[in-house]
Protein backbone atom coordinates (compact mmCIF):
# COMPACT_ATOMS: atom_id res chain seq x y z
CA MET A 1 -20.47 6.30 14.90
CA LYS A 2 -17.83 3.91 13.46
CA ILE A 3 -17.12 5.59 10.13
CA ILE A 4 -13.62 5.87 8.53
CA PRO A 5 -12.75 8.35 7.19
CA VAL A 6 -14.28 10.38 9.84
CA PRO A 7 -16.96 12.68 8.49
CA LYS A 8 -16.65 16.42 8.71
CA SER A 9 -20.26 16.65 10.09
CA ILE A 10 -22.48 14.21 11.98
CA ILE A 11 -25.81 15.70 13.27
CA MET A 12 -27.98 13.06 15.20
CA GLY A 13 -31.51 13.15 15.07
CA GLU A 14 -34.53 11.52 16.75
CA GLY A 15 -35.41 8.01 16.31
CA ALA A 16 -34.11 5.48 13.76
CA PHE A 17 -34.89 3.91 10.30
CA ASP A 18 -35.84 0.25 10.47
CA LEU A 19 -34.38 -1.30 7.29
CA HIS A 20 -36.90 -4.30 7.19
CA GLY A 21 -38.88 -3.96 4.18
CA VAL A 22 -36.64 -1.49 2.58
CA ARG A 23 -35.88 -1.20 -1.10
CA ILE A 24 -33.12 0.60 -2.89
CA ALA A 25 -34.18 3.25 -5.59
CA MET A 26 -31.65 4.98 -7.90
CA GLU A 27 -32.42 7.95 -10.03
CA LYS A 28 -32.62 7.08 -13.77
CA GLY A 29 -29.76 7.31 -15.96
CA MET A 30 -27.10 7.04 -13.22
CA ASP A 31 -23.54 5.97 -13.78
CA ILE A 32 -23.43 2.19 -14.13
CA ARG A 33 -20.68 2.17 -11.32
CA ILE A 34 -23.39 3.43 -8.92
CA ALA A 35 -25.57 0.64 -9.84
CA LYS A 36 -22.76 -1.91 -9.10
CA ALA A 37 -22.02 -0.14 -5.76
CA ALA A 38 -25.85 -0.52 -4.91
CA ALA A 39 -25.80 -4.22 -5.75
CA THR A 40 -23.14 -4.70 -3.07
CA LEU A 41 -25.27 -2.63 -0.73
CA LYS A 42 -28.22 -4.63 -1.53
CA SER A 43 -26.43 -7.85 -0.66
CA GLU A 44 -25.52 -6.42 2.83
CA LEU A 45 -29.16 -5.38 3.24
CA ASP A 46 -30.21 -8.72 2.49
CA CYS A 47 -28.02 -9.96 5.22
CA ALA A 48 -28.96 -7.20 7.73
CA THR A 49 -32.68 -7.78 7.21
CA GLY A 50 -32.74 -11.47 6.48
CA ALA A 51 -35.01 -10.75 3.48
CA PHE A 52 -34.73 -9.92 -0.21
CA VAL A 53 -34.28 -6.29 -0.91
CA LYS A 54 -35.42 -4.85 -4.28
CA CYS A 55 -33.00 -2.61 -6.12
CA GLY A 56 -33.93 -0.55 -9.18
CA ALA A 57 -34.40 2.67 -10.98
CA SER A 58 -36.86 5.42 -9.74
CA GLU A 59 -38.63 8.42 -11.22
CA GLY A 60 -37.44 10.70 -8.47
CA LYS A 61 -37.52 10.38 -4.80
CA PRO A 62 -39.95 7.63 -3.72
CA SER A 63 -42.57 8.28 -1.05
CA ASP A 64 -42.37 4.64 0.24
CA LYS A 65 -39.71 3.20 2.55
CA ALA A 66 -36.32 3.33 0.65
CA VAL A 67 -32.57 4.11 0.31
CA TYR A 68 -32.79 6.69 -2.48
CA ILE A 69 -29.55 7.40 -4.19
CA HIS A 70 -28.87 10.18 -6.50
CA TYR A 71 -26.34 12.75 -7.40
CA ASP A 72 -25.51 16.23 -9.39
CA ALA A 73 -25.11 14.87 -12.95
CA THR A 74 -23.60 18.06 -13.93
CA GLY A 75 -20.91 17.89 -11.22
CA ASP A 76 -17.78 15.78 -10.57
CA GLY A 77 -17.52 16.40 -6.70
CA GLU A 78 -16.58 13.70 -4.11
CA GLY A 79 -18.63 15.22 -1.33
CA TYR A 80 -21.96 13.65 -0.19
CA THR A 81 -24.78 13.99 2.20
CA LEU A 82 -26.32 10.97 3.82
CA THR A 83 -29.60 11.75 5.54
CA VAL A 84 -31.49 9.07 7.82
CA ASN A 85 -34.89 9.61 9.45
CA GLU A 86 -37.76 7.52 10.30
CA ASN A 87 -38.98 7.42 6.71
CA GLY A 88 -36.05 6.58 4.89
CA ILE A 89 -32.34 7.02 3.80
CA GLU A 90 -31.25 9.50 1.05
CA ILE A 91 -27.79 9.70 -0.46
CA PHE A 92 -27.09 12.65 -2.41
CA GLY A 93 -23.60 13.07 -4.10
CA ALA A 94 -21.91 16.19 -5.55
CA GLY A 95 -21.02 13.93 -8.51
CA ALA A 96 -21.04 10.17 -9.16
CA ALA A 97 -18.05 9.72 -7.02
CA GLY A 98 -19.82 11.47 -4.11
CA ALA A 99 -22.72 9.09 -4.23
CA PHE A 100 -20.34 6.17 -4.24
CA TYR A 101 -18.92 7.41 -1.00
CA GLY A 102 -22.10 7.96 0.60
CA ILE A 103 -22.95 4.25 -0.21
CA GLN A 104 -19.55 3.31 1.39
CA THR A 105 -20.66 5.18 4.62
CA LEU A 106 -24.01 3.63 4.70
CA ARG A 107 -22.40 0.17 4.42
CA GLN A 108 -20.31 1.14 7.48
CA LEU A 109 -23.38 2.19 9.36
CA ILE A 110 -25.13 -1.15 8.53
CA LYS A 111 -21.89 -2.97 9.88
CA GLU A 112 -22.34 -1.01 13.21
CA TYR A 113 -25.94 -0.93 13.73
CA GLY A 114 -27.54 -3.81 11.64
CA ALA A 115 -31.07 -3.16 10.47
CA GLU A 116 -31.70 -0.26 12.93
CA ILE A 117 -29.85 2.97 11.49
CA PRO A 118 -29.96 5.96 13.92
CA ALA A 119 -31.58 9.07 12.41
CA CYS A 120 -28.69 11.46 11.51
CA THR A 121 -27.45 13.82 8.68
CA ILE A 122 -23.85 13.21 7.58
CA GLU A 123 -22.11 15.79 5.30
CA ASP A 124 -18.53 15.05 4.23
CA SER A 125 -16.02 15.81 1.40
CA PRO A 126 -12.24 15.14 1.06
CA CYS A 127 -9.38 17.65 1.63
CA PHE A 128 -7.12 16.11 -0.80
CA ALA A 129 -8.28 15.34 -4.45
CA GLU A 130 -5.73 12.54 -4.98
CA ARG A 131 -5.86 10.04 -2.39
CA GLY A 132 -3.59 7.14 -3.39
CA PHE A 133 -2.10 3.79 -2.19
CA TYR A 134 1.17 2.71 -3.60
CA HIS A 135 1.70 -0.99 -3.35
CA ASP A 136 5.10 -2.91 -4.12
CA ILE A 137 4.61 -6.07 -6.13
CA THR A 138 8.04 -6.47 -7.35
CA ARG A 139 10.42 -7.19 -4.29
CA GLY A 140 8.78 -10.21 -2.93
CA ARG A 141 5.29 -11.19 -3.57
CA VAL A 142 3.36 -10.72 -6.84
CA PRO A 143 -0.36 -10.79 -6.03
CA THR A 144 -3.08 -12.88 -7.91
CA LEU A 145 -5.65 -10.81 -9.76
CA ALA A 146 -8.25 -11.96 -7.16
CA THR A 147 -5.77 -10.55 -4.19
CA LEU A 148 -5.55 -7.32 -6.20
CA LYS A 149 -9.22 -7.03 -6.44
CA ASN A 150 -9.86 -7.63 -3.01
CA LEU A 151 -7.28 -4.77 -2.07
CA THR A 152 -9.14 -2.43 -4.47
CA SER A 153 -12.41 -3.07 -2.86
CA GLN A 154 -11.02 -2.38 0.59
CA LEU A 155 -9.44 0.73 -0.69
CA ALA A 156 -12.80 1.82 -2.10
CA TYR A 157 -14.40 1.19 1.02
CA PHE A 158 -12.20 3.74 2.81
CA LYS A 159 -12.66 6.26 -0.03
CA ILE A 160 -9.14 6.03 -1.43
CA ASN A 161 -9.28 6.96 -5.13
CA GLN A 162 -5.91 6.03 -6.59
CA LEU A 163 -3.82 2.81 -6.76
CA GLN A 164 -0.47 2.55 -8.13
CA LEU A 165 1.49 -0.77 -8.10
CA TYR A 166 5.31 -0.64 -8.08
CA VAL A 167 6.92 -2.59 -10.76
CA GLU A 168 10.54 -3.09 -11.66
CA ASP A 169 10.08 -6.64 -13.25
CA ALA A 170 6.80 -8.04 -12.21
CA PHE A 171 5.06 -7.36 -15.60
CA ASP A 172 5.24 -9.53 -18.54
CA PHE A 173 7.61 -7.25 -20.76
CA ALA A 174 9.21 -8.55 -23.85
CA GLU A 175 12.53 -7.55 -22.50
CA PHE A 176 12.38 -10.09 -19.69
CA ASP A 177 11.30 -13.05 -21.96
CA GLY A 178 13.49 -15.95 -21.01
CA ILE A 179 14.72 -14.12 -17.92
CA ILE A 180 11.65 -14.00 -15.58
CA GLY A 181 9.14 -16.75 -15.22
CA LYS A 182 5.36 -16.45 -15.48
CA GLU A 183 4.97 -17.11 -11.73
CA GLU A 184 6.65 -13.75 -11.09
CA VAL A 185 4.70 -11.40 -13.33
CA ILE A 186 1.43 -9.65 -13.83
CA THR A 187 0.15 -10.18 -17.30
CA ALA A 188 -1.35 -7.65 -19.63
CA ALA A 189 -4.82 -9.45 -19.51
CA GLU A 190 -4.65 -9.22 -15.84
CA MET A 191 -3.67 -5.57 -15.59
CA THR A 192 -6.30 -4.53 -17.97
CA GLU A 193 -9.06 -6.53 -15.82
CA LEU A 194 -7.82 -4.90 -12.83
CA ASP A 195 -8.08 -1.43 -14.52
CA ASP A 196 -11.47 -2.09 -15.24
CA PHE A 197 -12.26 -3.29 -11.65
CA CYS A 198 -10.52 -0.04 -10.31
CA TYR A 199 -12.57 2.20 -12.56
CA ASN A 200 -15.80 0.59 -11.36
CA ASN A 201 -14.76 1.34 -7.78
CA PHE A 202 -13.88 4.79 -8.50
CA ILE A 203 -10.18 4.27 -8.38
CA GLU A 204 -7.62 5.32 -11.04
CA LEU A 205 -5.05 2.67 -11.42
CA VAL A 206 -2.05 4.73 -12.45
CA PRO A 207 1.01 2.84 -14.06
CA SER A 208 4.21 2.94 -12.08
CA LEU A 209 7.48 1.82 -13.60
CA SER A 210 11.22 1.89 -12.70
CA THR A 211 12.87 3.48 -15.61
CA PHE A 212 16.36 4.50 -14.52
CA GLY A 213 17.44 3.03 -10.96
CA HIS A 214 16.34 -0.17 -9.42
CA LEU A 215 16.84 -2.45 -12.51
CA TYR A 216 18.53 -5.33 -10.98
CA ARG A 217 16.70 -8.15 -12.72
CA LEU A 218 17.14 -6.40 -16.11
CA LEU A 219 20.68 -5.27 -15.89
CA GLN A 220 22.08 -8.53 -14.27
CA SER A 221 20.73 -10.50 -17.03
CA ASP A 222 23.11 -11.81 -19.94
CA LYS A 223 21.00 -10.11 -22.47
CA TRP A 224 21.14 -6.48 -20.92
CA ARG A 225 23.97 -6.28 -18.55
CA HIS A 226 25.92 -4.25 -20.94
CA LEU A 227 23.53 -1.37 -20.22
CA CYS A 228 24.56 -1.47 -16.63
CA GLU A 229 26.29 1.68 -15.26
CA TYR A 230 28.73 -0.51 -13.39
CA GLU A 231 30.53 -2.79 -15.90
CA ASP A 232 30.91 -6.50 -15.14
CA TRP A 233 29.10 -5.95 -11.86
CA HIS A 234 29.05 -9.13 -9.77
CA PRO A 235 26.64 -9.36 -6.84
CA TRP A 236 28.51 -9.48 -3.72
CA GLN A 237 25.62 -9.31 -1.09
CA ILE A 238 22.57 -11.33 -0.43
CA TYR A 239 19.92 -11.10 -3.14
CA TRP A 240 17.51 -8.77 -1.25
CA ILE A 241 20.33 -6.10 -0.63
CA GLU A 242 21.60 -6.40 -4.20
CA LYS A 243 17.93 -5.80 -5.63
CA MET A 244 17.61 -2.63 -3.53
CA ALA A 245 20.94 -0.92 -3.64
CA HIS A 246 22.31 -1.15 -7.23
CA HIS A 247 21.67 -1.30 -11.03
CA THR A 248 21.24 2.14 -12.64
CA ILE A 249 21.15 2.16 -16.49
CA ASP A 250 23.91 3.55 -18.38
CA VAL A 251 22.69 6.96 -19.60
CA SER A 252 25.46 7.23 -22.27
CA ASN A 253 24.45 4.30 -24.16
CA PRO A 254 21.85 5.13 -26.80
CA GLU A 255 20.27 1.60 -26.59
CA SER A 256 19.28 2.34 -22.93
CA ILE A 257 16.62 4.90 -23.70
CA GLU A 258 15.26 2.76 -26.47
CA VAL A 259 14.83 -0.16 -23.96
CA ILE A 260 13.02 2.14 -21.47
CA LYS A 261 10.93 3.56 -24.33
CA SER A 262 9.97 -0.08 -25.47
CA MET A 263 8.79 -0.82 -21.81
CA ILE A 264 6.87 2.18 -21.43
CA ASP A 265 5.17 1.52 -25.01
CA GLN A 266 3.95 -1.95 -23.84
CA TYR A 267 2.61 -0.60 -20.54
CA VAL A 268 0.93 2.70 -21.44
CA PRO A 269 -2.05 1.19 -23.43
CA LEU A 270 -3.26 -0.96 -20.56
CA PHE A 271 -4.48 1.91 -18.33
CA ARG A 272 -7.28 4.41 -18.56
CA SER A 273 -5.39 7.05 -16.37
CA ASN A 274 -3.83 9.95 -17.96
CA LYS A 275 -0.95 9.72 -15.61
CA PHE A 276 2.35 7.67 -15.73
CA ASN A 277 4.79 7.42 -12.78
CA ILE A 278 8.36 7.05 -14.09
CA CYS A 279 9.80 6.47 -10.69
CA CYS A 280 13.58 7.60 -11.33
CA ASP A 281 14.41 7.48 -7.65
CA GLU A 282 17.48 6.40 -5.82
CA THR A 283 19.96 6.27 -8.77
CA PHE A 284 22.80 5.36 -6.60
CA ASP A 285 25.27 4.30 -9.20
CA LEU A 286 24.89 7.12 -11.66
CA CYS A 287 28.47 8.35 -12.82
CA GLN A 288 30.12 5.76 -10.41
CA GLY A 289 30.99 3.41 -13.28
CA ARG A 290 31.01 3.94 -17.00
CA ASN A 291 30.24 7.66 -16.63
CA LYS A 292 32.63 8.34 -13.98
CA GLY A 293 33.84 11.94 -13.92
CA LYS A 294 30.58 13.33 -15.44
CA ASP A 295 28.23 15.60 -13.38
CA ALA A 296 25.65 13.16 -11.93
CA GLY A 297 23.00 15.85 -11.56
CA GLU A 298 23.55 17.05 -15.18
CA GLU A 299 23.53 13.34 -16.50
CA TYR A 300 20.36 12.54 -14.30
CA PHE A 301 18.15 15.34 -15.56
CA LYS A 302 19.13 14.88 -19.19
CA PHE A 303 18.06 11.11 -19.05
CA VAL A 304 14.97 12.00 -17.18
CA SER A 305 14.07 14.60 -19.72
CA LYS A 306 14.29 11.92 -22.54
CA ILE A 307 11.84 9.69 -20.43
CA ILE A 308 9.43 12.57 -19.73
CA ASP A 309 9.28 13.48 -23.41
CA HIS A 310 8.43 10.00 -24.46
CA VAL A 311 5.75 9.47 -21.76
CA LYS A 312 4.31 12.97 -22.75
CA SER A 313 4.16 11.82 -26.40
CA HIS A 314 1.68 9.27 -25.20
CA GLY A 315 -0.47 12.21 -23.91
CA LYS A 316 0.34 11.33 -20.23
CA VAL A 317 1.06 13.57 -17.21
CA VAL A 318 4.35 12.58 -15.73
CA GLN A 319 4.93 11.69 -12.20
CA MET A 320 8.24 10.93 -10.59
CA TRP A 321 9.80 10.51 -7.14
CA GLY A 322 11.49 13.64 -5.85
CA ASP A 323 14.53 12.60 -3.86
CA ILE A 324 17.16 13.13 -6.53
CA VAL A 325 15.46 16.46 -7.77
CA LEU A 326 15.76 17.63 -4.04
CA ASN A 327 19.46 16.80 -4.24
CA HIS A 328 19.92 19.33 -7.05
CA PRO A 329 17.32 22.17 -6.61
CA GLU A 330 19.36 24.41 -8.84
CA LYS A 331 18.61 22.22 -11.75
CA MET A 332 14.86 21.87 -11.03
CA ASP A 333 14.14 24.02 -14.03
CA MET A 334 15.35 21.42 -16.35
CA LEU A 335 12.22 19.67 -15.91
CA PRO A 336 8.75 20.52 -17.67
CA PRO A 337 6.92 22.62 -15.08
CA ASP A 338 4.00 20.21 -15.38
CA THR A 339 5.93 17.31 -13.87
CA VAL A 340 4.17 16.05 -10.74
CA MET A 341 6.77 15.60 -7.73
CA LEU A 342 6.05 12.66 -5.60
CA ASN A 343 7.68 13.89 -2.30
CA TRP A 344 8.35 10.83 -0.21
CA ASN A 345 9.79 10.75 3.50
CA TYR A 346 9.47 8.00 5.93
CA GLU A 347 10.73 9.48 9.21
CA LYS A 348 8.51 9.49 12.29
CA GLU A 349 8.48 13.32 12.01
CA ALA A 350 8.41 14.05 8.37
CA ASN A 351 10.55 16.82 6.88
CA GLU A 352 8.60 19.81 6.36
CA GLN A 353 11.32 21.73 4.38
CA ASN A 354 11.27 19.49 1.47
CA VAL A 355 7.45 20.03 1.06
CA LYS A 356 8.18 23.82 1.12
CA THR A 357 10.82 23.55 -1.41
CA PHE A 358 8.61 21.96 -3.83
CA ALA A 359 5.67 24.49 -2.97
CA ALA A 360 8.11 27.25 -3.56
CA SER A 361 9.05 25.93 -7.00
CA GLY A 362 5.52 26.00 -8.25
CA MET A 363 5.69 22.34 -9.27
CA LYS A 364 2.73 20.22 -8.37
CA GLN A 365 3.54 17.85 -5.56
CA ILE A 366 1.91 14.81 -3.92
CA VAL A 367 3.21 14.04 -0.36
CA CYS A 368 4.18 10.37 -0.13
CA PRO A 369 4.38 9.01 3.47
CA GLY A 370 4.59 5.19 4.29
CA CYS A 371 2.87 2.29 6.10
CA SER A 372 6.14 1.38 7.93
CA SER A 373 5.42 -2.40 7.33
CA TRP A 374 8.49 -3.32 4.96
CA ASN A 375 11.32 -5.04 6.48
CA ARG A 376 8.96 -6.30 9.26
CA PHE A 377 6.69 -9.26 10.02
CA VAL A 378 4.10 -6.69 11.34
CA GLU A 379 3.70 -2.92 10.73
CA GLU A 380 5.32 -0.30 13.12
CA ILE A 381 2.18 1.67 13.95
CA ASP A 382 3.84 4.40 15.81
CA ARG A 383 6.20 5.30 13.10
CA SER A 384 3.60 5.02 10.52
CA PHE A 385 0.94 7.12 12.26
CA GLY A 386 3.48 9.87 12.97
CA ASN A 387 4.79 9.84 9.34
CA ILE A 388 1.61 9.91 7.66
CA SER A 389 -0.01 12.47 10.03
CA SER A 390 2.91 14.93 9.76
CA LEU A 391 3.53 14.65 6.11
CA ALA A 392 -0.35 15.07 5.36
CA LYS A 393 -0.40 18.14 7.58
CA TYR A 394 2.65 19.72 5.84
CA GLY A 395 1.16 18.84 2.51
CA TYR A 396 -2.21 20.38 3.19
CA GLU A 397 -0.70 23.47 4.64
CA ASN A 398 1.56 23.90 1.57
CA GLY A 399 -1.04 23.12 -1.21
CA ALA A 400 -0.01 19.67 -2.07
CA ALA A 401 -2.44 17.96 -4.60
CA GLY A 402 -2.68 14.89 -2.66
CA LEU A 403 -1.40 11.98 -0.60
CA LEU A 404 0.03 8.76 -1.90
CA ASN A 405 0.59 6.31 0.95
CA THR A 406 3.36 3.83 0.14
CA ASN A 407 3.51 0.24 1.11
CA TRP A 408 6.92 -1.22 0.17
CA GLY A 409 8.18 -4.86 0.05
CA ASP A 410 11.86 -4.36 0.68
CA PHE A 411 13.85 -7.53 1.89
CA GLY A 412 11.35 -10.07 0.57
CA ASP A 413 8.04 -8.46 1.53
CA ILE A 414 7.56 -10.66 4.42
CA CYS A 415 4.72 -9.02 5.98
CA ASN A 416 1.27 -10.53 5.30
CA TRP A 417 -1.56 -8.13 4.43
CA GLY A 418 -3.47 -8.67 7.61
CA ALA A 419 -0.48 -7.42 9.49
CA ARG A 420 -0.16 -4.28 7.61
CA MET A 421 -3.66 -2.89 7.21
CA TYR A 422 -3.71 -0.06 9.90
CA GLY A 423 -1.17 2.00 8.02
CA MET A 424 -3.32 1.98 4.81
CA LEU A 425 -6.34 3.06 7.00
CA ILE A 426 -4.40 5.99 8.49
CA GLY A 427 -3.41 6.87 5.07
CA ALA A 428 -7.09 6.86 4.15
CA GLU A 429 -7.99 8.95 7.10
CA ARG A 430 -5.28 11.71 6.51
CA ALA A 431 -6.02 11.99 2.89
CA TRP A 432 -9.39 12.79 3.67
CA ASN A 433 -8.80 14.63 7.00
CA PRO A 434 -5.14 15.93 7.07
CA VAL A 435 -5.65 17.48 10.34
CA GLY A 436 -7.82 15.98 13.00
CA THR A 437 -8.05 13.76 16.14
CA VAL A 438 -7.16 10.05 15.89
CA ASP A 439 -8.13 8.71 19.40
CA GLU A 440 -9.24 5.54 21.12
CA ALA A 441 -12.67 5.78 19.43
CA PHE A 442 -10.93 5.84 16.13
CA GLU A 443 -9.01 2.92 17.11
CA MET A 444 -12.17 1.01 18.09
CA ALA A 445 -13.71 1.69 14.82
CA ALA A 446 -10.69 0.54 13.04
CA SER A 447 -11.00 -2.66 15.35
CA SER A 448 -14.46 -3.11 14.04
CA LEU A 449 -14.01 -2.30 10.36
CA LEU A 450 -10.48 -3.76 9.89
CA TYR A 451 -10.47 -6.69 12.27
CA ASN A 452 -14.07 -7.40 12.67
CA CYS A 453 -13.74 -6.93 16.58
CA ASP A 454 -15.99 -4.77 18.53
CA SER A 455 -14.84 -5.99 22.02
CA LYS A 456 -11.32 -5.16 21.95
CA ASN A 457 -8.77 -2.58 20.62
CA ILE A 458 -7.00 -4.64 18.14
CA VAL A 459 -5.05 -1.60 16.97
CA LYS A 460 -3.26 -1.57 20.29
CA LEU A 461 -2.24 -5.16 20.10
CA VAL A 462 -0.76 -4.69 16.55
CA TYR A 463 1.01 -1.55 18.00
CA ASP A 464 2.49 -3.80 20.79
CA MET A 465 3.44 -6.51 18.18
CA GLY A 466 5.52 -3.92 16.55
CA GLN A 467 7.33 -3.06 19.77
CA CYS A 468 8.13 -6.70 20.30
CA GLU A 469 9.78 -6.95 16.93
CA ARG A 470 12.33 -4.15 17.57
CA SER A 471 14.68 -6.52 19.43
CA CYS A 472 14.89 -8.78 16.32
CA ASP A 473 14.90 -6.25 13.42
CA TRP A 474 14.61 -8.26 10.09
CA MET A 475 16.40 -5.82 7.94
CA LEU A 476 19.45 -5.44 10.32
CA PHE A 477 19.45 -9.36 10.55
CA VAL A 478 19.70 -9.49 6.86
CA TYR A 479 22.62 -7.09 6.57
CA TRP A 480 24.33 -8.92 9.29
CA TYR A 481 23.78 -12.21 7.60
CA SER A 482 25.03 -10.96 4.39
CA ALA A 483 28.03 -9.65 5.78
CA ASN A 484 28.99 -12.80 7.78
CA THR A 485 27.96 -15.40 5.27
CA LYS A 486 28.49 -13.77 1.76
CA GLU A 487 30.61 -10.73 2.04
CA GLY A 488 33.36 -12.19 4.00
CA ARG A 489 33.24 -9.70 6.74
CA LYS A 490 32.83 -10.50 10.59
CA THR A 491 30.42 -8.20 12.23
CA GLU A 492 28.59 -8.29 15.49
CA LEU A 493 24.78 -8.53 15.70
CA GLU A 494 23.32 -6.26 18.44
CA VAL A 495 21.31 -8.53 20.70
CA HIS A 496 19.65 -7.42 24.06
CA PRO A 497 18.78 -10.73 25.72
CA GLU A 498 16.56 -9.42 28.47
CA GLN A 499 14.42 -7.41 25.82
CA CYS A 500 14.19 -10.47 23.72
CA LEU A 501 13.04 -12.48 26.49
CA SER A 502 10.53 -9.75 27.54
CA ASN A 503 9.16 -9.41 24.14
CA MET A 504 8.71 -13.17 23.76
CA ALA A 505 6.68 -13.15 26.82
CA ARG A 506 4.57 -10.36 25.67
CA ILE A 507 3.97 -11.81 22.15
CA ASP A 508 2.58 -14.91 23.83
CA GLU A 509 0.10 -12.76 25.66
CA ILE A 510 -0.73 -10.82 22.40
CA ALA A 511 -1.48 -14.11 20.63
CA SER A 512 -3.69 -15.27 23.37
CA GLU A 513 -5.67 -12.05 23.06
CA LEU A 514 -5.91 -12.19 19.39
CA ARG A 515 -7.49 -15.63 19.70
CA GLU A 516 -9.95 -14.50 22.15
CA ALA A 517 -11.01 -11.44 20.03
CA GLY A 518 -11.44 -13.10 16.67
CA ASP A 519 -12.06 -16.17 14.61
CA ALA A 520 -8.67 -17.87 14.49
CA SER A 521 -9.52 -19.13 10.95
CA ASP A 522 -10.26 -15.46 9.70
CA PRO A 523 -7.55 -14.62 7.14
CA VAL A 524 -6.62 -11.48 8.99
CA TYR A 525 -6.11 -13.24 12.40
CA VAL A 526 -4.24 -16.05 10.66
CA ASP A 527 -1.86 -13.31 9.50
CA LEU A 528 -1.57 -11.54 12.74
CA LEU A 529 -0.80 -15.06 14.77
CA LEU A 530 1.69 -16.04 12.03
CA ALA A 531 3.28 -12.64 12.61
CA CYS A 532 3.28 -13.28 16.36
CA ARG A 533 4.92 -16.68 15.78
CA ALA A 534 7.55 -15.24 13.58
CA ILE A 535 8.45 -12.31 15.89
CA LYS A 536 8.89 -14.90 18.74
CA LEU A 537 11.17 -17.00 16.34
CA MET A 538 13.25 -14.35 15.33
CA ASN A 539 13.94 -13.39 19.04
CA LYS A 540 14.89 -16.86 19.70
CA VAL A 541 17.53 -16.65 16.74
CA HIS A 542 18.86 -13.52 18.23
CA LEU A 543 19.20 -15.36 21.61
CA MET A 544 20.73 -18.30 19.87
CA ILE A 545 23.25 -16.17 18.18
CA ASN A 546 24.10 -14.45 21.21
CA GLY A 547 24.88 -17.79 22.90
CA HIS A 548 22.11 -17.76 25.41
CA GLU A 549 22.22 -21.26 27.00
CA ASP A 550 18.41 -21.82 26.83
CA PHE A 551 18.20 -21.37 22.94
CA GLN A 552 20.97 -23.54 21.79
CA ASP A 553 18.86 -26.42 20.35
CA ARG A 554 19.28 -25.71 16.78
CA ALA A 555 17.35 -28.78 15.62
CA ALA A 556 14.36 -27.79 17.44
CA LEU A 557 14.41 -24.19 16.35
CA LYS A 558 14.76 -25.45 12.72
CA ALA A 559 11.76 -27.58 13.28
CA GLU A 560 9.77 -24.63 14.64
CA TRP A 561 10.72 -22.59 11.58
CA SER A 562 9.75 -25.41 9.23
CA ALA A 563 6.37 -25.77 10.79
CA TRP A 564 5.92 -22.10 10.72
CA PHE A 565 6.88 -21.74 7.06
CA LYS A 566 4.64 -24.26 5.90
CA GLU A 567 1.70 -22.42 7.16
CA TYR A 568 3.21 -19.14 6.06
CA LYS A 569 3.74 -20.59 2.54
CA LYS A 570 0.27 -21.96 2.36
CA VAL A 571 -1.13 -18.40 3.07
CA TRP A 572 1.38 -16.85 0.57
CA LEU A 573 0.09 -19.12 -2.27
CA ALA A 574 -3.42 -18.47 -1.48
CA GLU A 575 -3.06 -14.78 -2.15
CA ASN A 576 0.07 -14.60 -4.28
CA LYS A 577 1.85 -16.16 -7.27
CA GLU A 578 4.75 -18.27 -6.19
CA SER A 579 7.07 -15.32 -6.98
CA GLN A 580 9.82 -15.21 -4.15
CA ILE A 581 8.35 -17.46 -1.50
CA ASN A 582 11.11 -20.17 -1.81
CA ARG A 583 14.00 -17.37 -1.29
CA ILE A 584 12.40 -16.82 2.17
CA GLY A 585 12.27 -20.68 2.80
CA GLU A 586 15.85 -21.21 1.90
CA PHE A 587 17.00 -18.11 3.98
CA LEU A 588 15.10 -19.36 7.01
CA ASP A 589 16.55 -23.04 6.61
CA SER A 590 19.98 -21.57 6.60
CA ILE A 591 19.69 -19.49 9.88
CA THR A 592 19.97 -22.33 12.31
CA GLU A 593 23.01 -23.69 10.56
CA LEU A 594 25.08 -20.39 11.10
CA PHE A 595 28.63 -20.84 12.55
């Protein structure tokens, strides 16, 4: 059965249930969110049966042909039992969320089997209570509300129950008035509507805000640059590097904490969640400028404590990234013990010792692996699978409260959603089942559920795409470009011509297989085929820079980039606000004019 996350128990029975003539019956007095989920189920039953399916309340389990949905009204569990026999289908949840997840499983069964569902009993429940997805909307693309709702629906389908959006400057804060345009931000009205939508899908929308480091747009503005740790900082690298690497707020200026408090005060009321992620990671510049000579660890914990106190005054539970805390374990007791540590690591084999360190401290932790799609046109599946799987295992064995799978947008957020979905799916699987087999059968289920293909292993093709991109790494190229065009340094770009040529040939084969496997107009396949073209073009760029005689027609290469970018921009603007698309276009235009 193609069900993701994979259920803990599936017992097959005899026969099947024919959905023709079925109705949906819900126990009276149910959570309105179950009624909304049942309405989605009804529309899919309508399509599967070719007929109108009635949906309504019931006085207990009906005797006629029905999908009966009910749950323990006194519980709040997320487990469920789904029973299919020749007479009907019954979904019972340990709580309302459990019933919701039972509905998602039935939807997946309908996708696989159509109107004839095999008799079976499925029992399932998650291992991690908190199963989150962390989505960067600040370093490249700012999604439209419709795109965020589509993302939420997909997360709910795979039983993820938390969403966080990474925000530095992508919200309509008063502090950014006159600094950032409306095409680069989410509004308060959009955020509250998204919060409602998430709630209806049993997803907690948790606010996440940079409050210490990573404040480039704020601290480079004329209005607020006096609060930057580095006095009179002038950017000397390309924009994407600057936005990543610097701009920590001046902890010694009393105005700094007031600005942060103001942003928190504007943001907190928009969310139902009782949680707030203050970030506070990668404070690279602390005590390197205005506060030079002070103890960086001491200053860090003092300022973080002020932020925590303010967030807690709103009645919120504080979450924060754990990297700086791990650098100063001796100062860990300076934090309130109820602070939740978000323990991130993105290596293919994650660091178990860091998980053990937080476990030994007694502080609640959530393990945070990554989708490995940032800095790339397509996700790197072997890296994400190893990272997510190992960190989930270590978290589960050491009592972590949950898993928050991160999806960053470093260096322009160039990866379209269709080319980065599998990492999200592995995060959903490992948050539900930290230990278990992910084999070719799982990949074929993913091919069906993610890529709408039952005939070919699309996951394997996406894996191969990631391998083909290794000979033209976007991040390394951006660093090389910055050094040689903006920083006044001459550096060499590592190029392996034979690997580039081999990968270009393979990417052509993959593109052909993708066209055979799916509808080329399907947004997912549009994204994957655009990624194929970009990877081939970047390999050509590397060969051009290497001086390969077959790739010196810069006008032709520029025309190829221009044609690609026209289609890429169309996809971007269909799903996102304008945000930083033009930065990418300008960068691509300049590549073929190098040297």
